[in-house]
Amino acid sequence: MNFPFINIHTHKPCAEHALCISNLFPDQFSDRNKNISGFFSVGIHPWYVKDKEYLEKQLSLLQETVSHPKCIAIGECGLDKVSKTPWDLQKQAFAEQIKISEKEDKPVIIHCVKAWDDILQMRKNENTRKKWIIHGFNSSMQMARQLIDSGCMLSFGSIILKSDSKAVNILSELDFNDFFLETDDADISIEKIYEKSSEIRNENIDNLKSQQYKNFEHVFGKLSH
């Protein structure tokens, strides 16, 4: 089988030969794109939670969107200690989306900046069953192991093109079933990410594509595309 390139998280148009999860915000989903053909995730990013009224409106829109058959994940959402959004409001937004994930039986794509311990604590406290995918991971090997042990997977993007990044070392050592690949908002092809990943891991790119496809089916189920 000629497996497609899996792009687990992107803000850019999906390449024809790839299988992507496109990122949407709740108020981006409207009548004009209800016939969207590709898979997507929908979530409330911690950067944009203005106040409680805004959050309530976005959560309402999110609830309307998650039932769409092409919506296969919640996110990106999470915690960001560099963001100007009040911390309590960030945690509330994230906790509500975790509840939606569990209720709707859909994984979560996580945005995390300098809040790893908080993410792990919420993973434990919220009694979660669904996979969390930490997108754009570039922290320590110790944190990588803690997240994976808690039931998370890691996703790597353009940071692996920087040879001195933490992500390069981590990607070289992970089991194949613990990670995904992505482009996020970078102006780069998913093929380039795969080429670099196969070089880092010293494995054939076709094997990498096959493994990523298996990971996708394990987390999201066998979905037609």
C-alpha atoms as a PDB file:
ATOM      1  CA  MET A   1       0.000   0.000   0.000  1.00  0.00           C
ATOM      2  CA  ASN A   2       1.228   3.495  -0.872  1.00  0.00           C
ATOM      3  CA  PHE A   3       0.673   5.242   2.444  1.00  0.00           C
ATOM      4  CA  PRO A   4      -0.030   8.984   2.469  1.00  0.00           C
ATOM      5  CA  PHE A   5       2.038  11.472   4.418  1.00  0.00           C
ATOM      6  CA  ILE A   6       0.241  12.014   7.725  1.00  0.00           C
ATOM      7  CA  ASN A   7       0.246  15.675   8.813  1.00  0.00           C
ATOM      8  CA  ILE A   8      -1.238  15.603  12.296  1.00  0.00           C
ATOM      9  CA  HIS A   9      -1.539  19.383  12.730  1.00  0.00           C
ATOM     10  CA  THR A  10      -1.516  22.165  10.149  1.00  0.00           C
ATOM     11  CA  HIS A  11      -2.802  25.700   9.670  1.00  0.00           C
ATOM     12  CA  LYS A  12      -2.022  25.574   5.937  1.00  0.00           C
ATOM     13  CA  PRO A  13      -3.904  23.978   3.013  1.00  0.00           C
ATOM     14  CA  CYS A  14      -3.408  20.233   2.894  1.00  0.00           C
ATOM     15  CA  ALA A  15      -1.289  18.785   0.096  1.00  0.00           C
ATOM     16  CA  GLU A  16      -3.235  16.458  -2.212  1.00  0.00           C
ATOM     17  CA  HIS A  17      -1.025  13.467  -1.446  1.00  0.00           C
ATOM     18  CA  ALA A  18      -1.213  13.939   2.341  1.00  0.00           C
ATOM     19  CA  LEU A  19      -3.707  13.068   5.054  1.00  0.00           C
ATOM     20  CA  CYS A  20      -3.999  16.141   7.278  1.00  0.00           C
ATOM     21  CA  ILE A  21      -5.773  17.352  10.367  1.00  0.00           C
ATOM     22  CA  SER A  22      -6.386  21.019   9.650  1.00  0.00           C
ATOM     23  CA  ASN A  23      -6.676  23.341  12.633  1.00  0.00           C
ATOM     24  CA  LEU A  24      -9.873  25.375  12.997  1.00  0.00           C
ATOM     25  CA  PHE A  25     -11.107  27.740  15.683  1.00  0.00           C
ATOM     26  CA  PRO A  26     -14.803  27.485  16.647  1.00  0.00           C
ATOM     27  CA  ASP A  27     -15.818  30.741  14.943  1.00  0.00           C
ATOM     28  CA  GLN A  28     -14.061  29.713  11.707  1.00  0.00           C
ATOM     29  CA  PHE A  29     -16.582  26.949  11.160  1.00  0.00           C
ATOM     30  CA  SER A  30     -19.633  28.308   9.371  1.00  0.00           C
ATOM     31  CA  ASP A  31     -22.183  27.457   6.707  1.00  0.00           C
ATOM     32  CA  ARG A  32     -19.600  27.994   3.970  1.00  0.00           C
ATOM     33  CA  ASN A  33     -17.329  25.171   5.162  1.00  0.00           C
ATOM     34  CA  LYS A  34     -19.763  22.662   6.609  1.00  0.00           C
ATOM     35  CA  ASN A  35     -19.024  20.532   3.544  1.00  0.00           C
ATOM     36  CA  ILE A  36     -15.300  20.491   4.308  1.00  0.00           C
ATOM     37  CA  SER A  37     -13.747  17.388   2.743  1.00  0.00           C
ATOM     38  CA  GLY A  38     -10.653  16.828   4.875  1.00  0.00           C
ATOM     39  CA  PHE A  39     -10.264  16.007   8.542  1.00  0.00           C
ATOM     40  CA  PHE A  40     -10.021  18.858  11.019  1.00  0.00           C
ATOM     41  CA  SER A  41      -9.656  19.637  14.694  1.00  0.00           C
ATOM     42  CA  VAL A  42     -11.456  22.467  16.440  1.00  0.00           C
ATOM     43  CA  GLY A  43     -10.425  24.125  19.668  1.00  0.00           C
ATOM     44  CA  ILE A  44     -10.008  27.290  21.708  1.00  0.00           C
ATOM     45  CA  HIS A  45      -6.362  28.365  21.777  1.00  0.00           C
ATOM     46  CA  PRO A  46      -5.180  29.850  25.114  1.00  0.00           C
ATOM     47  CA  TRP A  47      -3.897  32.978  23.331  1.00  0.00           C
ATOM     48  CA  TYR A  48      -7.378  34.015  22.297  1.00  0.00           C
ATOM     49  CA  VAL A  49      -9.474  33.520  25.438  1.00  0.00           C
ATOM     50  CA  LYS A  50     -10.388  37.169  26.025  1.00  0.00           C
ATOM     51  CA  ASP A  51     -12.808  36.846  28.942  1.00  0.00           C
ATOM     52  CA  LYS A  52     -15.474  34.536  30.375  1.00  0.00           C
ATOM     53  CA  GLU A  53     -18.185  35.808  28.050  1.00  0.00           C
ATOM     54  CA  TYR A  54     -15.976  35.120  25.031  1.00  0.00           C
ATOM     55  CA  LEU A  55     -15.121  31.667  26.378  1.00  0.00           C
ATOM     56  CA  GLU A  56     -18.778  30.742  26.867  1.00  0.00           C
ATOM     57  CA  LYS A  57     -19.576  31.773  23.294  1.00  0.00           C
ATOM     58  CA  GLN A  58     -16.635  29.820  21.874  1.00  0.00           C
ATOM     59  CA  LEU A  59     -17.521  26.731  23.912  1.00  0.00           C
ATOM     60  CA  SER A  60     -21.057  26.897  22.555  1.00  0.00           C
ATOM     61  CA  LEU A  61     -19.733  27.085  18.987  1.00  0.00           C
ATOM     62  CA  LEU A  62     -17.335  24.250  19.724  1.00  0.00           C
ATOM     63  CA  GLN A  63     -20.175  22.038  20.936  1.00  0.00           C
ATOM     64  CA  GLU A  64     -22.000  22.691  17.653  1.00  0.00           C
ATOM     65  CA  THR A  65     -18.950  21.778  15.579  1.00  0.00           C
ATOM     66  CA  VAL A  66     -17.564  18.631  17.217  1.00  0.00           C
ATOM     67  CA  SER A  67     -20.360  16.423  15.898  1.00  0.00           C
ATOM     68  CA  HIS A  68     -19.237  17.042  12.295  1.00  0.00           C
ATOM     69  CA  PRO A  69     -18.032  13.686  10.884  1.00  0.00           C
ATOM     70  CA  LYS A  70     -14.752  15.206   9.691  1.00  0.00           C
ATOM     71  CA  CYS A  71     -13.952  16.697  13.112  1.00  0.00           C
ATOM     72  CA  ILE A  72     -11.709  14.041  14.625  1.00  0.00           C
ATOM     73  CA  ALA A  73      -9.914  15.932  17.396  1.00  0.00           C
ATOM     74  CA  ILE A  74     -10.297  18.774  19.896  1.00  0.00           C
ATOM     75  CA  GLY A  75      -7.638  21.490  19.695  1.00  0.00           C
ATOM     76  CA  GLU A  76      -5.337  22.968  19.491  1.00  0.00           C
ATOM     77  CA  CYS A  77      -5.904  23.963  23.072  1.00  0.00           C
ATOM     78  CA  GLY A  78      -3.875  23.920  26.265  1.00  0.00           C
ATOM     79  CA  LEU A  79      -1.813  26.127  28.557  1.00  0.00           C
ATOM     80  CA  ASP A  80       0.716  28.875  27.858  1.00  0.00           C
ATOM     81  CA  LYS A  81       2.528  30.706  30.646  1.00  0.00           C
ATOM     82  CA  VAL A  82       3.885  33.278  28.195  1.00  0.00           C
ATOM     83  CA  SER A  83       0.390  34.246  27.025  1.00  0.00           C
ATOM     84  CA  LYS A  84      -1.302  37.375  28.391  1.00  0.00           C
ATOM     85  CA  THR A  85      -4.507  35.399  28.968  1.00  0.00           C
ATOM     86  CA  PRO A  86      -5.214  35.122  32.735  1.00  0.00           C
ATOM     87  CA  TRP A  87      -4.043  31.776  34.057  1.00  0.00           C
ATOM     88  CA  ASP A  88      -7.338  30.819  35.717  1.00  0.00           C
ATOM     89  CA  LEU A  89      -9.164  31.522  32.463  1.00  0.00           C
ATOM     90  CA  GLN A  90      -6.704  29.385  30.509  1.00  0.00           C
ATOM     91  CA  LYS A  91      -7.189  26.488  32.909  1.00  0.00           C
ATOM     92  CA  GLN A  92     -10.955  26.819  32.740  1.00  0.00           C
ATOM     93  CA  ALA A  93     -10.925  26.840  28.936  1.00  0.00           C
ATOM     94  CA  PHE A  94      -8.648  23.810  28.831  1.00  0.00           C
ATOM     95  CA  ALA A  95     -10.637  21.862  31.434  1.00  0.00           C
ATOM     96  CA  GLU A  96     -13.897  22.441  29.553  1.00  0.00           C
ATOM     97  CA  GLN A  97     -12.349  21.195  26.321  1.00  0.00           C
ATOM     98  CA  ILE A  98     -11.003  18.100  28.067  1.00  0.00           C
ATOM     99  CA  LYS A  99     -14.573  17.342  29.151  1.00  0.00           C
ATOM    100  CA  ILE A 100     -15.786  17.747  25.563  1.00  0.00           C
ATOM    101  CA  SER A 101     -13.004  15.443  24.356  1.00  0.00           C
ATOM    102  CA  GLU A 102     -14.027  12.727  26.774  1.00  0.00           C
ATOM    103  CA  LYS A 103     -17.741  13.148  26.078  1.00  0.00           C
ATOM    104  CA  GLU A 104     -17.308  13.133  22.300  1.00  0.00           C
ATOM    105  CA  ASP A 105     -14.639  10.398  22.354  1.00  0.00           C
ATOM    106  CA  LYS A 106     -12.086  12.472  20.440  1.00  0.00           C
ATOM    107  CA  PRO A 107      -8.351  12.994  21.122  1.00  0.00           C
ATOM    108  CA  VAL A 108      -6.878  16.389  22.033  1.00  0.00           C
ATOM    109  CA  ILE A 109      -4.142  18.319  20.222  1.00  0.00           C
ATOM    110  CA  ILE A 110      -2.230  20.238  22.889  1.00  0.00           C
ATOM    111  CA  HIS A 111      -0.466  23.593  22.818  1.00  0.00           C
ATOM    112  CA  CYS A 112       1.898  23.913  25.786  1.00  0.00           C
ATOM    113  CA  VAL A 113       4.449  26.604  26.657  1.00  0.00           C
ATOM    114  CA  LYS A 114       6.313  26.427  29.980  1.00  0.00           C
ATOM    115  CA  ALA A 115       3.399  24.566  31.589  1.00  0.00           C
ATOM    116  CA  TRP A 116       4.443  20.920  31.435  1.00  0.00           C
ATOM    117  CA  ASP A 117       3.824  20.120  35.099  1.00  0.00           C
ATOM    118  CA  ASP A 118       0.368  21.703  34.845  1.00  0.00           C
ATOM    119  CA  ILE A 119      -0.440  19.637  31.753  1.00  0.00           C
ATOM    120  CA  LEU A 120       0.614  16.453  33.529  1.00  0.00           C
ATOM    121  CA  GLN A 121      -1.396  17.382  36.614  1.00  0.00           C
ATOM    122  CA  MET A 122      -4.530  18.036  34.575  1.00  0.00           C
ATOM    123  CA  ARG A 123      -3.985  14.807  32.676  1.00  0.00           C
ATOM    124  CA  LYS A 124      -4.069  13.023  36.034  1.00  0.00           C
ATOM    125  CA  ASN A 125      -6.809  15.054  37.723  1.00  0.00           C
ATOM    126  CA  GLU A 126      -9.305  15.030  34.860  1.00  0.00           C
ATOM    127  CA  ASN A 127      -9.298  11.211  34.683  1.00  0.00           C
ATOM    128  CA  THR A 128      -8.791  11.240  30.920  1.00  0.00           C
ATOM    129  CA  ARG A 129      -9.078   8.240  28.618  1.00  0.00           C
ATOM    130  CA  LYS A 130      -8.433   9.827  25.212  1.00  0.00           C
ATOM    131  CA  LYS A 131      -4.983  10.401  23.757  1.00  0.00           C
ATOM    132  CA  TRP A 132      -3.415  13.822  24.047  1.00  0.00           C
ATOM    133  CA  ILE A 133      -1.041  14.807  21.244  1.00  0.00           C
ATOM    134  CA  ILE A 134       1.524  17.406  22.306  1.00  0.00           C
ATOM    135  CA  HIS A 135       2.154  19.366  19.133  1.00  0.00           C
ATOM    136  CA  GLY A 136       5.453  21.080  18.320  1.00  0.00           C
ATOM    137  CA  PHE A 137       7.294  19.284  21.113  1.00  0.00           C
ATOM    138  CA  ASN A 138      10.770  20.586  21.961  1.00  0.00           C
ATOM    139  CA  SER A 139      11.399  19.974  25.650  1.00  0.00           C
ATOM    140  CA  SER A 140      13.605  17.507  27.540  1.00  0.00           C
ATOM    141  CA  MET A 141      13.841  13.743  27.191  1.00  0.00           C
ATOM    142  CA  GLN A 142      12.740  13.427  30.816  1.00  0.00           C
ATOM    143  CA  MET A 143       9.570  15.402  30.077  1.00  0.00           C
ATOM    144  CA  ALA A 144       9.004  13.417  26.904  1.00  0.00           C
ATOM    145  CA  ARG A 145       9.037  10.189  28.910  1.00  0.00           C
ATOM    146  CA  GLN A 146       6.722  11.583  31.570  1.00  0.00           C
ATOM    147  CA  LEU A 147       4.200  12.698  28.972  1.00  0.00           C
ATOM    148  CA  ILE A 148       4.312   9.402  27.102  1.00  0.00           C
ATOM    149  CA  ASP A 149       3.958   7.449  30.357  1.00  0.00           C
ATOM    150  CA  SER A 150       0.866   9.522  31.156  1.00  0.00           C
ATOM    151  CA  GLY A 151      -0.786   8.510  27.887  1.00  0.00           C
ATOM    152  CA  CYS A 152       0.282  11.339  25.610  1.00  0.00           C
ATOM    153  CA  MET A 153       1.939  11.240  22.208  1.00  0.00           C
ATOM    154  CA  LEU A 154       4.400  13.823  20.888  1.00  0.00           C
ATOM    155  CA  SER A 155       4.326  15.604  17.533  1.00  0.00           C
ATOM    156  CA  PHE A 156       7.356  17.120  15.825  1.00  0.00           C
ATOM    157  CA  GLY A 157       7.459  19.869  13.221  1.00  0.00           C
ATOM    158  CA  SER A 158       9.967  22.258  11.674  1.00  0.00           C
ATOM    159  CA  ILE A 159      12.050  22.412  14.864  1.00  0.00           C
ATOM    160  CA  ILE A 160      13.685  19.127  13.836  1.00  0.00           C
ATOM    161  CA  LEU A 161      15.345  20.964  10.951  1.00  0.00           C
ATOM    162  CA  LYS A 162      17.543  22.648  13.585  1.00  0.00           C
ATOM    163  CA  SER A 163      20.265  20.125  14.370  1.00  0.00           C
ATOM    164  CA  ASP A 164      20.898  21.542  17.849  1.00  0.00           C
ATOM    165  CA  SER A 165      17.259  21.335  18.973  1.00  0.00           C
ATOM    166  CA  LYS A 166      16.189  19.050  21.821  1.00  0.00           C
ATOM    167  CA  ALA A 167      13.567  17.594  19.505  1.00  0.00           C
ATOM    168  CA  VAL A 168      16.186  16.011  17.223  1.00  0.00           C
ATOM    169  CA  ASN A 169      17.700  13.947  20.018  1.00  0.00           C
ATOM    170  CA  ILE A 170      14.297  12.931  21.363  1.00  0.00           C
ATOM    171  CA  LEU A 171      12.931  11.933  17.952  1.00  0.00           C
ATOM    172  CA  SER A 172      15.986   9.736  17.365  1.00  0.00           C
ATOM    173  CA  GLU A 173      15.246   7.678  20.485  1.00  0.00           C
ATOM    174  CA  LEU A 174      11.454   7.372  20.646  1.00  0.00           C
ATOM    175  CA  ASP A 175       9.546   4.223  19.793  1.00  0.00           C
ATOM    176  CA  PHE A 176       7.728   4.672  16.483  1.00  0.00           C
ATOM    177  CA  ASN A 177       4.300   4.428  18.135  1.00  0.00           C
ATOM    178  CA  ASP A 178       4.923   7.405  20.457  1.00  0.00           C
ATOM    179  CA  PHE A 179       4.981  10.261  17.941  1.00  0.00           C
ATOM    180  CA  PHE A 180       3.449  12.039  14.960  1.00  0.00           C
ATOM    181  CA  LEU A 181       4.777  14.580  12.449  1.00  0.00           C
ATOM    182  CA  GLU A 182       3.333  17.973  11.517  1.00  0.00           C
ATOM    183  CA  THR A 183       3.896  21.254   9.690  1.00  0.00           C
ATOM    184  CA  ASP A 184       1.867  23.524  12.037  1.00  0.00           C
ATOM    185  CA  ASP A 185       1.964  27.054  10.530  1.00  0.00           C
ATOM    186  CA  ALA A 186       5.417  26.730   8.921  1.00  0.00           C
ATOM    187  CA  ASP A 187       5.903  27.356   5.204  1.00  0.00           C
ATOM    188  CA  ILE A 188       7.340  23.913   4.662  1.00  0.00           C
ATOM    189  CA  SER A 189       6.084  20.694   3.102  1.00  0.00           C
ATOM    190  CA  ILE A 190       5.227  17.641   5.138  1.00  0.00           C
ATOM    191  CA  GLU A 191       7.571  15.695   2.821  1.00  0.00           C
ATOM    192  CA  LYS A 192      10.480  17.765   4.112  1.00  0.00           C
ATOM    193  CA  ILE A 193       9.572  16.890   7.698  1.00  0.00           C
ATOM    194  CA  TYR A 194       9.424  13.191   6.800  1.00  0.00           C
ATOM    195  CA  GLU A 195      12.739  13.341   4.944  1.00  0.00           C
ATOM    196  CA  LYS A 196      14.450  14.895   7.956  1.00  0.00           C
ATOM    197  CA  SER A 197      12.749  12.480  10.360  1.00  0.00           C
ATOM    198  CA  SER A 198      13.886   9.452   8.366  1.00  0.00           C
ATOM    199  CA  GLU A 199      17.431  10.848   8.392  1.00  0.00           C
ATOM    200  CA  ILE A 200      17.341  11.467  12.159  1.00  0.00           C
ATOM    201  CA  ARG A 201      15.931   8.020  12.895  1.00  0.00           C
ATOM    202  CA  ASN A 202      18.025   6.275  10.225  1.00  0.00           C
ATOM    203  CA  GLU A 203      15.064   4.497   8.710  1.00  0.00           C
ATOM    204  CA  ASN A 204      13.467   4.183   5.307  1.00  0.00           C
ATOM    205  CA  ILE A 205      10.916   6.901   4.559  1.00  0.00           C
ATOM    206  CA  ASP A 206       8.369   4.307   3.356  1.00  0.00           C
ATOM    207  CA  ASN A 207       8.640   2.538   6.713  1.00  0.00           C
ATOM    208  CA  LEU A 208       8.132   5.863   8.468  1.00  0.00           C
ATOM    209  CA  LYS A 209       4.997   6.548   6.387  1.00  0.00           C
ATOM    210  CA  SER A 210       3.653   3.084   7.211  1.00  0.00           C
ATOM    211  CA  GLN A 211       4.306   3.542  10.941  1.00  0.00           C
ATOM    212  CA  GLN A 212       2.689   6.979  10.990  1.00  0.00           C
ATOM    213  CA  TYR A 213      -0.378   5.583   9.248  1.00  0.00           C
ATOM    214  CA  LYS A 214      -0.640   2.830  11.872  1.00  0.00           C
ATOM    215  CA  ASN A 215      -0.384   5.459  14.607  1.00  0.00           C
ATOM    216  CA  PHE A 216      -3.142   7.461  12.970  1.00  0.00           C
ATOM    217  CA  GLU A 217      -5.467   4.453  12.794  1.00  0.00           C
ATOM    218  CA  HIS A 218      -4.648   3.486  16.383  1.00  0.00           C
ATOM    219  CA  VAL A 219      -5.577   6.943  17.727  1.00  0.00           C
ATOM    220  CA  PHE A 220      -8.380   7.978  15.369  1.00  0.00           C
ATOM    221  CA  GLY A 221      -9.723   4.682  14.086  1.00  0.00           C
ATOM    222  CA  LYS A 222      -9.954   3.387  10.553  1.00  0.00           C
ATOM    223  CA  LEU A 223     -11.444   6.385   8.820  1.00  0.00           C
ATOM    224  CA  SER A 224     -12.170   6.788   5.125  1.00  0.00           C
ATOM    225  CA  HIS A 225     -10.456   9.751   3.492  1.00  0.00           C
END
